[in-house]
PDB file of N, CA and C in Angstrom:
ATOM      1  N   MET A   1    -105.548  78.710-181.666  1.00  0.00           N
ATOM      2  CA  MET A   1    -104.754  79.409-180.670  1.00  0.00           C
ATOM      3  C   MET A   1    -104.282  80.748-181.224  1.00  0.00           C
ATOM      4  N   ASN A   2    -103.925  81.634-180.302  1.00  0.00           N
ATOM      5  CA  ASN A   2    -103.423  82.924-180.768  1.00  0.00           C
ATOM      6  C   ASN A   2    -101.963  82.795-181.191  1.00  0.00           C
ATOM      7  N   ASN A   3    -101.443  83.832-181.841  1.00  0.00           N
ATOM      8  CA  ASN A   3    -100.096  83.796-182.388  1.00  0.00           C
ATOM      9  C   ASN A   3     -99.034  84.248-181.400  1.00  0.00           C
ATOM     10  N   ARG A   4     -99.416  84.698-180.219  1.00  0.00           N
ATOM     11  CA  ARG A   4     -98.442  85.137-179.224  1.00  0.00           C
ATOM     12  C   ARG A   4     -97.746  83.928-178.617  1.00  0.00           C
ATOM     13  N   ARG A   5     -96.452  84.062-178.389  1.00  0.00           N
ATOM     14  CA  ARG A   5     -95.692  82.979-177.778  1.00  0.00           C
ATOM     15  C   ARG A   5     -95.920  82.964-176.277  1.00  0.00           C
ATOM     16  N   SER A   6     -95.968  81.773-175.746  1.00  0.00           N
ATOM     17  CA  SER A   6     -96.079  81.630-174.295  1.00  0.00           C
ATOM     18  C   SER A   6     -94.688  81.787-173.677  1.00  0.00           C
ATOM     19  N   ASN A   7     -94.656  81.962-172.362  1.00  0.00           N
ATOM     20  CA  ASN A   7     -93.380  82.025-171.655  1.00  0.00           C
ATOM     21  C   ASN A   7     -92.559  80.765-171.907  1.00  0.00           C
ATOM     22  N   ILE A   8     -93.229  79.629-171.942  1.00  0.00           N
ATOM     23  CA  ILE A   8     -92.548  78.355-172.158  1.00  0.00           C
ATOM     24  C   ILE A   8     -91.904  78.311-173.538  1.00  0.00           C
ATOM     25  N   GLU A   9     -92.605  78.800-174.554  1.00  0.00           N
ATOM     26  CA  GLU A   9     -92.047  78.815-175.904  1.00  0.00           C
ATOM     27  C   GLU A   9     -90.844  79.752-175.996  1.00  0.00           C
ATOM     28  N   ILE A  10     -90.906  80.867-175.317  1.00  0.00           N
ATOM     29  CA  ILE A  10     -89.787  81.816-175.304  1.00  0.00           C
ATOM     30  C   ILE A  10     -88.582  81.174-174.620  1.00  0.00           C
ATOM     31  N   ILE A  11     -88.812  80.528-173.498  1.00  0.00           N
ATOM     32  CA  ILE A  11     -87.725  79.856-172.782  1.00  0.00           C
ATOM     33  C   ILE A  11     -87.106  78.763-173.651  1.00  0.00           C
ATOM     34  N   ALA A  12     -87.940  77.971-174.319  1.00  0.00           N
ATOM     35  CA  ALA A  12     -87.430  76.907-175.196  1.00  0.00           C
ATOM     36  C   ALA A  12     -86.567  77.493-176.311  1.00  0.00           C
ATOM     37  N   GLU A  13     -87.003  78.578-176.895  1.00  0.00           N
ATOM     38  CA  GLU A  13     -86.238  79.220-177.970  1.00  0.00           C
ATOM     39  C   GLU A  13     -84.891  79.714-177.454  1.00  0.00           C
ATOM     40  N   MET A  14     -84.883  80.323-176.280  1.00  0.00           N
ATOM     41  CA  MET A  14     -83.627  80.797-175.698  1.00  0.00           C
ATOM     42  C   MET A  14     -82.687  79.633-175.403  1.00  0.00           C
ATOM     43  N   LEU A  15     -83.214  78.528-174.902  1.00  0.00           N
ATOM     44  CA  LEU A  15     -82.388  77.365-174.625  1.00  0.00           C
ATOM     45  C   LEU A  15     -81.809  76.778-175.908  1.00  0.00           C
ATOM     46  N   ARG A  16     -82.609  76.736-176.974  1.00  0.00           N
ATOM     47  CA  ARG A  16     -82.110  76.235-178.265  1.00  0.00           C
ATOM     48  C   ARG A  16     -80.943  77.091-178.755  1.00  0.00           C
ATOM     49  N   ILE A  17     -81.096  78.388-178.648  1.00  0.00           N
ATOM     50  CA  ILE A  17     -80.045  79.310-179.103  1.00  0.00           C
ATOM     51  C   ILE A  17     -78.794  79.138-178.244  1.00  0.00           C
ATOM     52  N   GLY A  18     -78.964  78.871-176.961  1.00  0.00           N
ATOM     53  CA  GLY A  18     -77.842  78.714-176.042  1.00  0.00           C
ATOM     54  C   GLY A  18     -77.143  77.371-176.112  1.00  0.00           C
ATOM     55  N   GLU A  19     -77.637  76.459-176.942  1.00  0.00           N
ATOM     56  CA  GLU A  19     -77.015  75.139-177.034  1.00  0.00           C
ATOM     57  C   GLU A  19     -75.561  75.229-177.501  1.00  0.00           C
ATOM     58  N   ASN A  20     -75.266  76.137-178.398  1.00  0.00           N
ATOM     59  CA  ASN A  20     -73.907  76.294-178.915  1.00  0.00           C
ATOM     60  C   ASN A  20     -73.197  77.498-178.307  1.00  0.00           C
ATOM     61  N   GLY A  21     -73.804  78.115-177.328  1.00  0.00           N
ATOM     62  CA  GLY A  21     -73.246  79.321-176.734  1.00  0.00           C
ATOM     63  C   GLY A  21     -73.605  80.529-177.585  1.00  0.00           C
ATOM     64  N   ALA A  22     -74.046  81.593-176.943  1.00  0.00           N
ATOM     65  CA  ALA A  22     -74.457  82.791-177.672  1.00  0.00           C
ATOM     66  C   ALA A  22     -74.373  83.993-176.733  1.00  0.00           C
ATOM     67  N   GLY A  23     -74.137  85.137-177.321  1.00  0.00           N
ATOM     68  CA  GLY A  23     -74.142  86.375-176.559  1.00  0.00           C
ATOM     69  C   GLY A  23     -75.562  86.872-176.353  1.00  0.00           C
ATOM     70  N   LYS A  24     -75.705  87.842-175.473  1.00  0.00           N
ATOM     71  CA  LYS A  24     -77.027  88.384-175.159  1.00  0.00           C
ATOM     72  C   LYS A  24     -77.708  88.961-176.396  1.00  0.00           C
ATOM     73  N   THR A  25     -76.971  89.714-177.202  1.00  0.00           N
ATOM     74  CA  THR A  25     -77.558  90.322-178.396  1.00  0.00           C
ATOM     75  C   THR A  25     -78.009  89.259-179.388  1.00  0.00           C
ATOM     76  N   GLU A  26     -77.203  88.213-179.560  1.00  0.00           N
ATOM     77  CA  GLU A  26     -77.564  87.129-180.474  1.00  0.00           C
ATOM     78  C   GLU A  26     -78.843  86.437-180.014  1.00  0.00           C
ATOM     79  N   ILE A  27     -78.941  86.171-178.730  1.00  0.00           N
ATOM     80  CA  ILE A  27     -80.156  85.546-178.197  1.00  0.00           C
ATOM     81  C   ILE A  27     -81.346  86.471-178.402  1.00  0.00           C
ATOM     82  N   MET A  28     -81.161  87.744-178.097  1.00  0.00           N
ATOM     83  CA  MET A  28     -82.236  88.723-178.195  1.00  0.00           C
ATOM     84  C   MET A  28     -82.783  88.800-179.625  1.00  0.00           C
ATOM     85  N   TYR A  29     -81.884  88.893-180.612  1.00  0.00           N
ATOM     86  CA  TYR A  29     -82.337  89.012-181.997  1.00  0.00           C
ATOM     87  C   TYR A  29     -82.900  87.701-182.539  1.00  0.00           C
ATOM     88  N   ASN A  30     -82.230  86.583-182.256  1.00  0.00           N
ATOM     89  CA  ASN A  30     -82.706  85.300-182.787  1.00  0.00           C
ATOM     90  C   ASN A  30     -84.013  84.848-182.155  1.00  0.00           C
ATOM     91  N   ALA A  31     -84.237  85.234-180.908  1.00  0.00           N
ATOM     92  CA  ALA A  31     -85.495  84.870-180.234  1.00  0.00           C
ATOM     93  C   ALA A  31     -86.553  85.963-180.383  1.00  0.00           C
ATOM     94  N   ASN A  32     -86.206  87.039-181.085  1.00  0.00           N
ATOM     95  CA  ASN A  32     -87.130  88.138-181.340  1.00  0.00           C
ATOM     96  C   ASN A  32     -87.690  88.704-180.027  1.00  0.00           C
ATOM     97  N   MET A  33     -86.764  89.190-179.187  1.00  0.00           N
ATOM     98  CA  MET A  33     -87.129  89.689-177.874  1.00  0.00           C
ATOM     99  C   MET A  33     -86.675  91.131-177.705  1.00  0.00           C
ATOM    100  N   SER A  34     -87.311  91.820-176.769  1.00  0.00           N
ATOM    101  CA  SER A  34     -86.878  93.167-176.412  1.00  0.00           C
ATOM    102  C   SER A  34     -85.777  93.060-175.349  1.00  0.00           C
ATOM    103  N   TYR A  35     -85.112  94.180-175.083  1.00  0.00           N
ATOM    104  CA  TYR A  35     -84.058  94.188-174.076  1.00  0.00           C
ATOM    105  C   TYR A  35     -84.611  93.844-172.688  1.00  0.00           C
ATOM    106  N   SER A  36     -85.762  94.391-172.344  1.00  0.00           N
ATOM    107  CA  SER A  36     -86.332  94.098-171.022  1.00  0.00           C
ATOM    108  C   SER A  36     -86.727  92.625-170.906  1.00  0.00           C
ATOM    109  N   GLN A  37     -87.209  92.035-171.995  1.00  0.00           N
ATOM    110  CA  GLN A  37     -87.556  90.614-171.966  1.00  0.00           C
ATOM    111  C   GLN A  37     -86.314  89.753-171.761  1.00  0.00           C
ATOM    112  N   ILE A  38     -85.236  90.056-172.493  1.00  0.00           N
ATOM    113  CA  ILE A  38     -84.019  89.249-172.395  1.00  0.00           C
ATOM    114  C   ILE A  38     -83.468  89.315-170.972  1.00  0.00           C
ATOM    115  N   GLN A  39     -83.528  90.497-170.358  1.00  0.00           N
ATOM    116  CA  GLN A  39     -83.045  90.652-168.995  1.00  0.00           C
ATOM    117  C   GLN A  39     -83.845  89.759-168.042  1.00  0.00           C
ATOM    118  N   LYS A  40     -85.160  89.803-168.173  1.00  0.00           N
ATOM    119  CA  LYS A  40     -86.054  89.037-167.303  1.00  0.00           C
ATOM    120  C   LYS A  40     -85.830  87.533-167.468  1.00  0.00           C
ATOM    121  N   TYR A  41     -85.853  87.050-168.711  1.00  0.00           N
ATOM    122  CA  TYR A  41     -85.743  85.618-168.958  1.00  0.00           C
ATOM    123  C   TYR A  41     -84.343  85.089-168.672  1.00  0.00           C
ATOM    124  N   LEU A  42     -83.298  85.833-169.030  1.00  0.00           N
ATOM    125  CA  LEU A  42     -81.936  85.381-168.721  1.00  0.00           C
ATOM    126  C   LEU A  42     -81.735  85.292-167.217  1.00  0.00           C
ATOM    127  N   GLY A  43     -82.238  86.266-166.496  1.00  0.00           N
ATOM    128  CA  GLY A  43     -82.143  86.238-165.039  1.00  0.00           C
ATOM    129  C   GLY A  43     -82.788  84.982-164.463  1.00  0.00           C
ATOM    130  N   PHE A  44     -83.972  84.663-164.970  1.00  0.00           N
ATOM    131  CA  PHE A  44     -84.672  83.461-164.520  1.00  0.00           C
ATOM    132  C   PHE A  44     -83.886  82.199-164.850  1.00  0.00           C
ATOM    133  N   LEU A  45     -83.434  82.086-166.098  1.00  0.00           N
ATOM    134  CA  LEU A  45     -82.732  80.877-166.541  1.00  0.00           C
ATOM    135  C   LEU A  45     -81.403  80.691-165.823  1.00  0.00           C
ATOM    136  N   ILE A  46     -80.694  81.780-165.564  1.00  0.00           N
ATOM    137  CA  ILE A  46     -79.427  81.699-164.835  1.00  0.00           C
ATOM    138  C   ILE A  46     -79.678  81.322-163.375  1.00  0.00           C
ATOM    139  N   SER A  47     -80.655  81.956-162.744  1.00  0.00           N
ATOM    140  CA  SER A  47     -80.923  81.693-161.323  1.00  0.00           C
ATOM    141  C   SER A  47     -81.404  80.263-161.068  1.00  0.00           C
ATOM    142  N   HIS A  48     -81.987  79.630-162.087  1.00  0.00           N
ATOM    143  CA  HIS A  48     -82.457  78.255-161.943  1.00  0.00           C
ATOM    144  C   HIS A  48     -81.480  77.251-162.568  1.00  0.00           C
ATOM    145  N   ASP A  49     -80.286  77.712-162.922  1.00  0.00           N
ATOM    146  CA  ASP A  49     -79.215  76.866-163.454  1.00  0.00           C
ATOM    147  C   ASP A  49     -79.587  76.150-164.752  1.00  0.00           C
ATOM    148  N   PHE A  50     -80.352  76.838-165.611  1.00  0.00           N
ATOM    149  CA  PHE A  50     -80.654  76.298-166.932  1.00  0.00           C
ATOM    150  C   PHE A  50     -79.694  76.854-167.978  1.00  0.00           C
ATOM    151  N   ILE A  51     -79.084  77.994-167.681  1.00  0.00           N
ATOM    152  CA  ILE A  51     -78.092  78.627-168.551  1.00  0.00           C
ATOM    153  C   ILE A  51     -76.958  79.135-167.663  1.00  0.00           C
ATOM    154  N   ASN A  52     -75.724  78.961-168.139  1.00  0.00           N
ATOM    155  CA  ASN A  52     -74.553  79.509-167.457  1.00  0.00           C
ATOM    156  C   ASN A  52     -74.077  80.758-168.167  1.00  0.00           C
ATOM    157  N   LYS A  53     -73.626  81.700-167.383  1.00  0.00           N
ATOM    158  CA  LYS A  53     -73.014  82.921-167.901  1.00  0.00           C
ATOM    159  C   LYS A  53     -71.507  82.700-167.886  1.00  0.00           C
ATOM    160  N   ILE A  54     -70.883  82.697-169.064  1.00  0.00           N
ATOM    161  CA  ILE A  54     -69.464  82.399-169.184  1.00  0.00           C
ATOM    162  C   ILE A  54     -68.733  83.640-169.658  1.00  0.00           C
ATOM    163  N   HIS A  55     -67.746  84.087-168.877  1.00  0.00           N
ATOM    164  CA  HIS A  55     -66.938  85.246-169.257  1.00  0.00           C
ATOM    165  C   HIS A  55     -65.811  84.763-170.168  1.00  0.00           C
ATOM    166  N   VAL A  56     -65.795  85.226-171.410  1.00  0.00           N
ATOM    167  CA  VAL A  56     -64.770  84.802-172.365  1.00  0.00           C
ATOM    168  C   VAL A  56     -63.796  85.927-172.685  1.00  0.00           C
ATOM    169  N   GLY A  57     -63.940  87.026-172.058  1.00  0.00           N
ATOM    170  CA  GLY A  57     -63.070  88.169-172.273  1.00  0.00           C
ATOM    171  C   GLY A  57     -63.612  89.340-171.493  1.00  0.00           C
ATOM    172  N   ASN A  58     -63.031  90.491-171.713  1.00  0.00           N
ATOM    173  CA  ASN A  58     -63.520  91.674-171.014  1.00  0.00           C
ATOM    174  C   ASN A  58     -64.030  92.665-172.043  1.00  0.00           C
ATOM    175  N   PRO A  59     -65.281  92.923-172.141  1.00  0.00           N
ATOM    176  CA  PRO A  59     -66.428  92.512-171.322  1.00  0.00           C
ATOM    177  C   PRO A  59     -67.243  91.393-171.953  1.00  0.00           C
ATOM    178  N   CYS A  60     -66.689  90.606-172.818  1.00  0.00           N
ATOM    179  CA  CYS A  60     -67.434  89.605-173.589  1.00  0.00           C
ATOM    180  C   CYS A  60     -67.978  88.478-172.702  1.00  0.00           C
ATOM    181  N   VAL A  61     -69.274  88.223-172.831  1.00  0.00           N
ATOM    182  CA  VAL A  61     -69.964  87.179-172.060  1.00  0.00           C
ATOM    183  C   VAL A  61     -70.746  86.305-173.029  1.00  0.00           C
ATOM    184  N   THR A  62     -70.689  85.003-172.798  1.00  0.00           N
ATOM    185  CA  THR A  62     -71.455  84.051-173.585  1.00  0.00           C
ATOM    186  C   THR A  62     -72.382  83.297-172.639  1.00  0.00           C
ATOM    187  N   TYR A  63     -73.547  82.948-173.138  1.00  0.00           N
ATOM    188  CA  TYR A  63     -74.512  82.182-172.361  1.00  0.00           C
ATOM    189  C   TYR A  63     -74.601  80.789-172.966  1.00  0.00           C
ATOM    190  N   GLN A  64     -74.453  79.771-172.111  1.00  0.00           N
ATOM    191  CA  GLN A  64     -74.408  78.378-172.549  1.00  0.00           C
ATOM    192  C   GLN A  64     -75.430  77.572-171.761  1.00  0.00           C
ATOM    193  N   ILE A  65     -76.185  76.746-172.454  1.00  0.00           N
ATOM    194  CA  ILE A  65     -77.177  75.892-171.802  1.00  0.00           C
ATOM    195  C   ILE A  65     -76.465  74.869-170.905  1.00  0.00           C
ATOM    196  N   THR A  66     -77.058  74.551-169.756  1.00  0.00           N
ATOM    197  CA  THR A  66     -76.502  73.566-168.820  1.00  0.00           C
ATOM    198  C   THR A  66     -77.168  72.210-169.069  1.00  0.00           C
ATOM    199  N   ASP A  67     -76.698  71.186-168.364  1.00  0.00           N
ATOM    200  CA  ASP A  67     -77.321  69.862-168.485  1.00  0.00           C
ATOM    201  C   ASP A  67     -78.786  69.892-168.056  1.00  0.00           C
ATOM    202  N   SER A  68     -79.073  70.629-166.989  1.00  0.00           N
ATOM    203  CA  SER A  68     -80.476  70.728-166.565  1.00  0.00           C
ATOM    204  C   SER A  68     -81.284  71.534-167.574  1.00  0.00           C
ATOM    205  N   GLY A  69     -80.642  72.482-168.262  1.00  0.00           N
ATOM    206  CA  GLY A  69     -81.306  73.224-169.329  1.00  0.00           C
ATOM    207  C   GLY A  69     -81.650  72.328-170.507  1.00  0.00           C
ATOM    208  N   VAL A  70     -80.750  71.400-170.827  1.00  0.00           N
ATOM    209  CA  VAL A  70     -81.007  70.435-171.910  1.00  0.00           C
ATOM    210  C   VAL A  70     -82.209  69.566-171.552  1.00  0.00           C
ATOM    211  N   LYS A  71     -82.263  69.109-170.294  1.00  0.00           N
ATOM    212  CA  LYS A  71     -83.403  68.294-169.844  1.00  0.00           C
ATOM    213  C   LYS A  71     -84.702  69.094-169.921  1.00  0.00           C
ATOM    214  N   LEU A  72     -84.639  70.352-169.492  1.00  0.00           N
ATOM    215  CA  LEU A  72     -85.825  71.206-169.559  1.00  0.00           C
ATOM    216  C   LEU A  72     -86.278  71.392-170.998  1.00  0.00           C
ATOM    217  N   LEU A  73     -85.337  71.665-171.900  1.00  0.00           N
ATOM    218  CA  LEU A  73     -85.678  71.868-173.308  1.00  0.00           C
ATOM    219  C   LEU A  73     -86.345  70.627-173.885  1.00  0.00           C
ATOM    220  N   LYS A  74     -85.809  69.460-173.598  1.00  0.00           N
ATOM    221  CA  LYS A  74     -86.410  68.218-174.109  1.00  0.00           C
ATOM    222  C   LYS A  74     -87.817  68.032-173.557  1.00  0.00           C
ATOM    223  N   SER A  75     -88.008  68.350-172.292  1.00  0.00           N
ATOM    224  CA  SER A  75     -89.344  68.233-171.681  1.00  0.00           C
ATOM    225  C   SER A  75     -90.329  69.204-172.322  1.00  0.00           C
ATOM    226  N   ILE A  76     -89.889  70.446-172.518  1.00  0.00           N
ATOM    227  CA  ILE A  76     -90.756  71.451-173.150  1.00  0.00           C
ATOM    228  C   ILE A  76     -91.129  71.013-174.557  1.00  0.00           C
ATOM    229  N   GLU A  77     -90.131  70.542-175.322  1.00  0.00           N
ATOM    230  CA  GLU A  77     -90.414  70.115-176.695  1.00  0.00           C
ATOM    231  C   GLU A  77     -91.389  68.951-176.728  1.00  0.00           C
ATOM    232  N   SER A  78     -91.297  68.039-175.764  1.00  0.00           N
ATOM    233  CA  SER A  78     -92.236  66.915-175.693  1.00  0.00           C
ATOM    234  C   SER A  78     -93.655  67.402-175.430  1.00  0.00           C
ATOM    235  N   VAL A  79     -93.797  68.324-174.487  1.00  0.00           N
ATOM    236  CA  VAL A  79     -95.130  68.858-174.159  1.00  0.00           C
ATOM    237  C   VAL A  79     -95.702  69.628-175.348  1.00  0.00           C
ATOM    238  N   ILE A  80     -94.885  70.467-175.976  1.00  0.00           N
ATOM    239  CA  ILE A  80     -95.349  71.241-177.128  1.00  0.00           C
ATOM    240  C   ILE A  80     -95.787  70.311-178.258  1.00  0.00           C
ATOM    241  N   GLU A  81     -95.016  69.255-178.484  1.00  0.00           N
ATOM    242  CA  GLU A  81     -95.371  68.297-179.526  1.00  0.00           C
ATOM    243  C   GLU A  81     -96.690  67.583-179.195  1.00  0.00           C
ATOM    244  N   LEU A  82     -96.849  67.194-177.925  1.00  0.00           N
ATOM    245  CA  LEU A  82     -98.091  66.535-177.524  1.00  0.00           C
ATOM    246  C   LEU A  82     -99.302  67.443-177.700  1.00  0.00           C
ATOM    247  N   LEU A  83     -99.109  68.722-177.472  1.00  0.00           N
ATOM    248  CA  LEU A  83    -100.195  69.676-177.609  1.00  0.00           C
ATOM    249  C   LEU A  83    -100.436  70.094-179.056  1.00  0.00           C
ATOM    250  N   GLY A  84     -99.556  69.679-179.947  1.00  0.00           N
ATOM    251  CA  GLY A  84     -99.705  70.006-181.372  1.00  0.00           C
ATOM    252  C   GLY A  84     -99.332  71.422-181.709  1.00  0.00           C
ATOM    253  N   TRP A  85     -98.421  72.021-180.933  1.00  0.00           N
ATOM    254  CA  TRP A  85     -98.015  73.408-181.180  1.00  0.00           C
ATOM    255  C   TRP A  85     -96.869  73.521-182.167  1.00  0.00           C
ATOM    256  N   PHE A  86     -96.391  72.393-182.731  1.00  0.00           N
ATOM    257  CA  PHE A  86     -95.259  72.442-183.656  1.00  0.00           C
ATOM    258  C   PHE A  86     -95.719  72.661-185.091  1.00  0.00           C
ATOM    259  N   ASP A  87     -96.964  73.074-185.303  1.00  0.00           N
ATOM    260  CA  ASP A  87     -97.470  73.288-186.663  1.00  0.00           C
ATOM    261  C   ASP A  87     -96.868  74.513-187.309  1.00  0.00           C
ATOM    262  N   LYS A  88     -96.130  75.305-186.578  1.00  0.00           N
ATOM    263  CA  LYS A  88     -95.670  76.621-187.037  1.00  0.00           C
ATOM    264  C   LYS A  88     -94.771  76.539-188.225  1.00  0.00           C
TER     265      LYS A  88
END
């Protein structure tokens, strides 16, 4: 397989980072994403209720994985493991 991450792998990484709550910059750097990518994926995850946007101050925002996000992450990890993509 090629070394590029799939959309699913990027989403799984973002959900893992959001398990303990994280800011946009932290997610962006830890998931090795560009600003435009983080905007696109966060928008998707928030709109589908996989991540919540939590205001903890002005203008401080934290992103936290939801219960449905936890279920999605577990499902993604199961599929990735079945496909043998965890060799990394």
